[in-house]
C-alpha atoms as a PDB file:
ATOM      1  CA  MET A   1      75.244  10.872  16.697  1.00  0.00           C
ATOM      2  CA  LYS A   2      78.308  13.050  16.579  1.00  0.00           C
ATOM      3  CA  HIS A   3      77.109  14.622  13.370  1.00  0.00           C
ATOM      4  CA  ARG A   4      73.731  15.559  14.940  1.00  0.00           C
ATOM      5  CA  LYS A   5      75.394  17.288  17.929  1.00  0.00           C
ATOM      6  CA  ALA A   6      77.355  19.456  15.535  1.00  0.00           C
ATOM      7  CA  GLN A   7      74.110  20.516  13.858  1.00  0.00           C
ATOM      8  CA  ILE A   8      72.551  21.455  17.197  1.00  0.00           C
ATOM      9  CA  ASN A   9      75.622  23.456  18.202  1.00  0.00           C
ATOM     10  CA  THR A  10      75.547  25.280  14.850  1.00  0.00           C
ATOM     11  CA  ILE A  11      71.852  26.159  15.276  1.00  0.00           C
ATOM     12  CA  GLU A  12      72.482  27.338  18.850  1.00  0.00           C
ATOM     13  CA  PHE A  13      75.393  29.444  17.609  1.00  0.00           C
ATOM     14  CA  ILE A  14      73.240  31.065  14.886  1.00  0.00           C
ATOM     15  CA  ILE A  15      70.464  31.812  17.391  1.00  0.00           C
ATOM     16  CA  ALA A  16      72.924  33.259  19.919  1.00  0.00           C
ATOM     17  CA  SER A  17      74.628  35.327  17.213  1.00  0.00           C
ATOM     18  CA  SER A  18      71.263  36.653  15.982  1.00  0.00           C
ATOM     19  CA  ILE A  19      70.229  37.644  19.497  1.00  0.00           C
ATOM     20  CA  SER A  20      73.597  39.346  20.033  1.00  0.00           C
ATOM     21  CA  VAL A  21      73.269  41.301  16.789  1.00  0.00           C
ATOM     22  CA  ILE A  22      69.723  42.394  17.692  1.00  0.00           C
ATOM     23  CA  ILE A  23      70.892  43.574  21.119  1.00  0.00           C
ATOM     24  CA  ILE A  24      73.822  45.487  19.611  1.00  0.00           C
ATOM     25  CA  VAL A  25      71.533  47.137  17.040  1.00  0.00           C
ATOM     26  CA  LEU A  26      69.101  48.163  19.805  1.00  0.00           C
ATOM     27  CA  ILE A  27      71.905  49.611  21.937  1.00  0.00           C
ATOM     28  CA  VAL A  28      73.393  51.578  19.018  1.00  0.00           C
ATOM     29  CA  SER A  29      69.930  52.849  17.948  1.00  0.00           C
ATOM     30  CA  THR A  30      69.150  53.971  21.485  1.00  0.00           C
ATOM     31  CA  PHE A  31      72.505  55.705  21.764  1.00  0.00           C
ATOM     32  CA  LEU A  32      72.012  57.554  18.459  1.00  0.00           C
ATOM     33  CA  PHE A  33      68.469  58.576  19.412  1.00  0.00           C
ATOM     34  CA  TYR A  34      69.556  60.033  22.757  1.00  0.00           C
ATOM     35  CA  GLU A  35      72.612  61.651  21.215  1.00  0.00           C
ATOM     36  CA  ARG A  36      70.334  63.551  18.806  1.00  0.00           C
ATOM     37  CA  LYS A  37      68.009  64.558  21.640  1.00  0.00           C
ATOM     38  CA  ILE A  38      70.942  65.755  23.757  1.00  0.00           C
ATOM     39  CA  ASN A  39      72.343  67.786  20.852  1.00  0.00           C
ATOM     40  CA  GLU A  40      68.930  69.416  20.293  1.00  0.00           C
ATOM     41  CA  PHE A  41      68.714  70.203  24.023  1.00  0.00           C
ATOM     42  CA  ILE A  42      72.200  71.756  23.972  1.00  0.00           C
ATOM     43  CA  LEU A  43      71.329  73.858  20.926  1.00  0.00           C
ATOM     44  CA  TYR A  44      68.062  75.040  22.494  1.00  0.00           C
ATOM     45  CA  ASN A  45      69.896  75.973  25.700  1.00  0.00           C
ATOM     46  CA  ASP A  46      72.520  77.853  23.675  1.00  0.00           C
ATOM     47  CA  LEU A  47      69.806  79.718  21.754  1.00  0.00           C
ATOM     48  CA  SER A  48      67.971  80.555  24.991  1.00  0.00           C
ATOM     49  CA  ALA A  49      71.079  81.747  26.801  1.00  0.00           C
ATOM     50  CA  LYS A  50      72.259  83.848  23.861  1.00  0.00           C
ATOM     51  CA  ALA A  51      68.799  85.401  23.329  1.00  0.00           C
ATOM     52  CA  PHE A  52      68.564  86.297  27.007  1.00  0.00           C
ATOM     53  CA  GLN A  53      72.107  87.713  27.107  1.00  0.00           C
ATOM     54  CA  VAL A  54      71.601  89.861  24.020  1.00  0.00           C
ATOM     55  CA  SER A  55      68.194  91.112  25.170  1.00  0.00           C
ATOM     56  CA  ASP A  56      69.715  91.918  28.563  1.00  0.00           C
ATOM     57  CA  VAL A  57      72.507  93.966  26.973  1.00  0.00           C
ATOM     58  CA  LEU A  58      70.020  95.763  24.739  1.00  0.00           C
ATOM     59  CA  ILE A  59      67.679  96.851  27.546  1.00  0.00           C
ATOM     60  CA  LYS A  60      70.183  97.425  30.362  1.00  0.00           C
ATOM     61  CA  SER A  61      73.210  98.924  28.613  1.00  0.00           C
ATOM     62  CA  SER A  62      73.699 102.238  26.873  1.00  0.00           C
ATOM     63  CA  GLY A  63      76.319 100.648  24.623  1.00  0.00           C
ATOM     64  CA  ALA A  64      79.843 101.752  23.829  1.00  0.00           C
ATOM     65  CA  PRO A  65      80.433 104.529  23.313  1.00  0.00           C
ATOM     66  CA  SER A  66      77.409 105.622  25.320  1.00  0.00           C
ATOM     67  CA  ASN A  67      76.400 108.115  22.632  1.00  0.00           C
ATOM     68  CA  TRP A  68      76.928 105.672  19.756  1.00  0.00           C
ATOM     69  CA  ASP A  69      75.429 105.890  16.324  1.00  0.00           C
ATOM     70  CA  SER A  70      75.355 103.431  13.431  1.00  0.00           C
ATOM     71  CA  THR A  71      78.866 104.463  12.298  1.00  0.00           C
ATOM     72  CA  ASN A  72      80.873 104.288  15.548  1.00  0.00           C
ATOM     73  CA  VAL A  73      79.224 101.579  17.671  1.00  0.00           C
ATOM     74  CA  ASN A  74      81.403  99.019  19.443  1.00  0.00           C
ATOM     75  CA  VAL A  75      78.783  97.562  21.787  1.00  0.00           C
ATOM     76  CA  ILE A  76      75.093  97.943  20.994  1.00  0.00           C
ATOM     77  CA  GLY A  77      72.895  98.995  23.896  1.00  0.00           C
ATOM     78  CA  LEU A  78      69.502 100.697  23.642  1.00  0.00           C
ATOM     79  CA  ALA A  79      69.030 101.885  27.215  1.00  0.00           C
ATOM     80  CA  SER A  80      69.384 105.368  28.618  1.00  0.00           C
ATOM     81  CA  GLU A  81      69.045 103.650  32.005  1.00  0.00           C
ATOM     82  CA  ASP A  82      68.041 100.167  33.167  1.00  0.00           C
ATOM     83  CA  ARG A  83      65.035  99.024  31.051  1.00  0.00           C
ATOM     84  CA  VAL A  84      64.416 102.545  29.731  1.00  0.00           C
ATOM     85  CA  ILE A  85      64.886 102.506  25.962  1.00  0.00           C
ATOM     86  CA  ASP A  86      66.288 105.560  24.175  1.00  0.00           C
ATOM     87  CA  ALA A  87      64.399 106.460  20.961  1.00  0.00           C
ATOM     88  CA  ASP A  88      67.522 107.726  19.166  1.00  0.00           C
ATOM     89  CA  LYS A  89      69.379 104.493  19.899  1.00  0.00           C
ATOM     90  CA  VAL A  90      66.459 102.450  18.573  1.00  0.00           C
ATOM     91  CA  ASN A  91      66.536 104.476  15.350  1.00  0.00           C
ATOM     92  CA  ASN A  92      70.303 104.001  15.103  1.00  0.00           C
ATOM     93  CA  PHE A  93      69.925 100.280  15.825  1.00  0.00           C
ATOM     94  CA  ILE A  94      67.436  99.626  13.038  1.00  0.00           C
ATOM     95  CA  ASN A  95      69.737 101.454  10.602  1.00  0.00           C
ATOM     96  CA  ILE A  96      72.621  99.042  11.219  1.00  0.00           C
ATOM     97  CA  SER A  97      72.850  96.083   8.848  1.00  0.00           C
ATOM     98  CA  GLN A  98      71.759  92.742  10.262  1.00  0.00           C
ATOM     99  CA  GLN A  99      75.219  91.285   9.640  1.00  0.00           C
ATOM    100  CA  ASP A 100      76.877  94.140  11.553  1.00  0.00           C
ATOM    101  CA  ILE A 101      74.471  93.576  14.452  1.00  0.00           C
ATOM    102  CA  LYS A 102      75.277  89.855  14.448  1.00  0.00           C
ATOM    103  CA  ASP A 103      78.997  90.656  14.439  1.00  0.00           C
ATOM    104  CA  LYS A 104      78.764  93.278  17.226  1.00  0.00           C
ATOM    105  CA  MET A 105      76.624  90.973  19.389  1.00  0.00           C
ATOM    106  CA  ALA A 106      78.739  87.870  18.611  1.00  0.00           C
ATOM    107  CA  MET A 107      75.729  85.917  17.335  1.00  0.00           C
ATOM    108  CA  ASN A 108      75.894  83.003  14.932  1.00  0.00           C
ATOM    109  CA  TYR A 109      72.122  82.824  14.576  1.00  0.00           C
ATOM    110  CA  ASP A 110      69.523  84.710  12.581  1.00  0.00           C
ATOM    111  CA  PHE A 111      67.604  87.204  14.696  1.00  0.00           C
ATOM    112  CA  TYR A 112      64.789  89.656  14.861  1.00  0.00           C
ATOM    113  CA  PHE A 113      64.031  92.598  17.100  1.00  0.00           C
ATOM    114  CA  LYS A 114      60.635  94.198  17.574  1.00  0.00           C
ATOM    115  CA  LEU A 115      59.540  96.996  19.864  1.00  0.00           C
ATOM    116  CA  THR A 116      55.812  97.494  20.365  1.00  0.00           C
ATOM    117  CA  ASN A 117      53.713  99.557  22.695  1.00  0.00           C
ATOM    118  CA  ILE A 118      51.782  97.691  25.377  1.00  0.00           C
ATOM    119  CA  THR A 119      48.767  97.228  23.080  1.00  0.00           C
ATOM    120  CA  GLY A 120      50.935  95.640  20.381  1.00  0.00           C
ATOM    121  CA  LYS A 121      51.256  98.604  18.009  1.00  0.00           C
ATOM    122  CA  PRO A 122      54.672  98.370  16.288  1.00  0.00           C
ATOM    123  CA  ILE A 123      57.268 101.013  17.122  1.00  0.00           C
ATOM    124  CA  ALA A 124      60.390  99.602  15.465  1.00  0.00           C
ATOM    125  CA  SER A 125      61.690  96.328  14.104  1.00  0.00           C
ATOM    126  CA  ILE A 126      64.597  94.774  12.280  1.00  0.00           C
ATOM    127  CA  GLY A 127      65.032  91.254  10.956  1.00  0.00           C
ATOM    128  CA  ASN A 128      62.418  88.630  10.176  1.00  0.00           C
ATOM    129  CA  PRO A 129      60.455  86.578  12.709  1.00  0.00           C
ATOM    130  CA  PRO A 130      61.825  83.084  13.339  1.00  0.00           C
ATOM    131  CA  ALA A 131      61.547  80.857  10.297  1.00  0.00           C
ATOM    132  CA  GLY A 132      63.744  77.970  11.385  1.00  0.00           C
ATOM    133  CA  ILE A 133      62.887  74.744  13.142  1.00  0.00           C
ATOM    134  CA  ARG A 134      64.685  75.775  16.319  1.00  0.00           C
ATOM    135  CA  SER A 135      63.865  79.218  17.666  1.00  0.00           C
ATOM    136  CA  VAL A 136      63.669  81.189  20.893  1.00  0.00           C
ATOM    137  CA  VAL A 137      61.811  84.463  21.417  1.00  0.00           C
ATOM    138  CA  ILE A 138      62.372  86.571  24.535  1.00  0.00           C
ATOM    139  CA  LYS A 139      59.842  89.241  25.521  1.00  0.00           C
ATOM    140  CA  ARG A 140      60.976  91.961  27.893  1.00  0.00           C
ATOM    141  CA  TYR A 141      58.910  94.777  29.362  1.00  0.00           C
ATOM    142  CA  VAL A 142      60.583  98.173  29.045  1.00  0.00           C
ATOM    143  CA  MET A 143      59.825 101.880  29.100  1.00  0.00           C
ATOM    144  CA  TYR A 144      59.912 103.775  25.807  1.00  0.00           C
ATOM    145  CA  GLU A 145      59.170 107.503  25.664  1.00  0.00           C
ATOM    146  CA  ASN A 146      57.633 107.376  29.177  1.00  0.00           C
ATOM    147  CA  GLU A 147      55.234 104.554  28.275  1.00  0.00           C
ATOM    148  CA  GLU A 148      55.335 100.823  28.832  1.00  0.00           C
ATOM    149  CA  ALA A 149      56.499  98.843  25.834  1.00  0.00           C
ATOM    150  CA  ILE A 150      57.439  95.283  24.939  1.00  0.00           C
ATOM    151  CA  MET A 151      60.750  94.394  23.353  1.00  0.00           C
ATOM    152  CA  GLU A 152      60.871  91.053  21.565  1.00  0.00           C
ATOM    153  CA  PHE A 153      64.146  89.518  20.591  1.00  0.00           C
ATOM    154  CA  GLY A 154      64.261  86.215  18.747  1.00  0.00           C
ATOM    155  CA  LEU A 155      67.017  83.892  17.584  1.00  0.00           C
ATOM    156  CA  TRP A 156      66.701  80.897  15.318  1.00  0.00           C
ATOM    157  CA  GLU A 157      68.685  78.443  13.327  1.00  0.00           C
END
């Protein structure tokens, strides 16, 4: 009889160990799944915040110096006044290299900028539309040469 009790205890131990391992695997899998989702959420929020901040600076600031050109710009701003885009600054902006724009705007992401009239006719653009898995595009309504226009600014990874 003593030998049979040992067999039952061994089987119970194997079953308990198997259940414990399954529970641990489920907990670790759930943790890893939610960790990935949280990291994606953080990245999306970072992309969104950065896209909004950069678009805000572009349409509300005249830049530094206020009469900047592609050779002396410290801070890029396209506005002559709040949400009124200056044509000369747009021309200067699209003549700056994409890497210089990323450096001046402290961006670690790829970007694109497009200015269209209200009907969608292109006025100016630089960069390529988002090609990555994670992207954010901000559309802002502005005035350009006394007409309504739409400025799109996109970031992606």
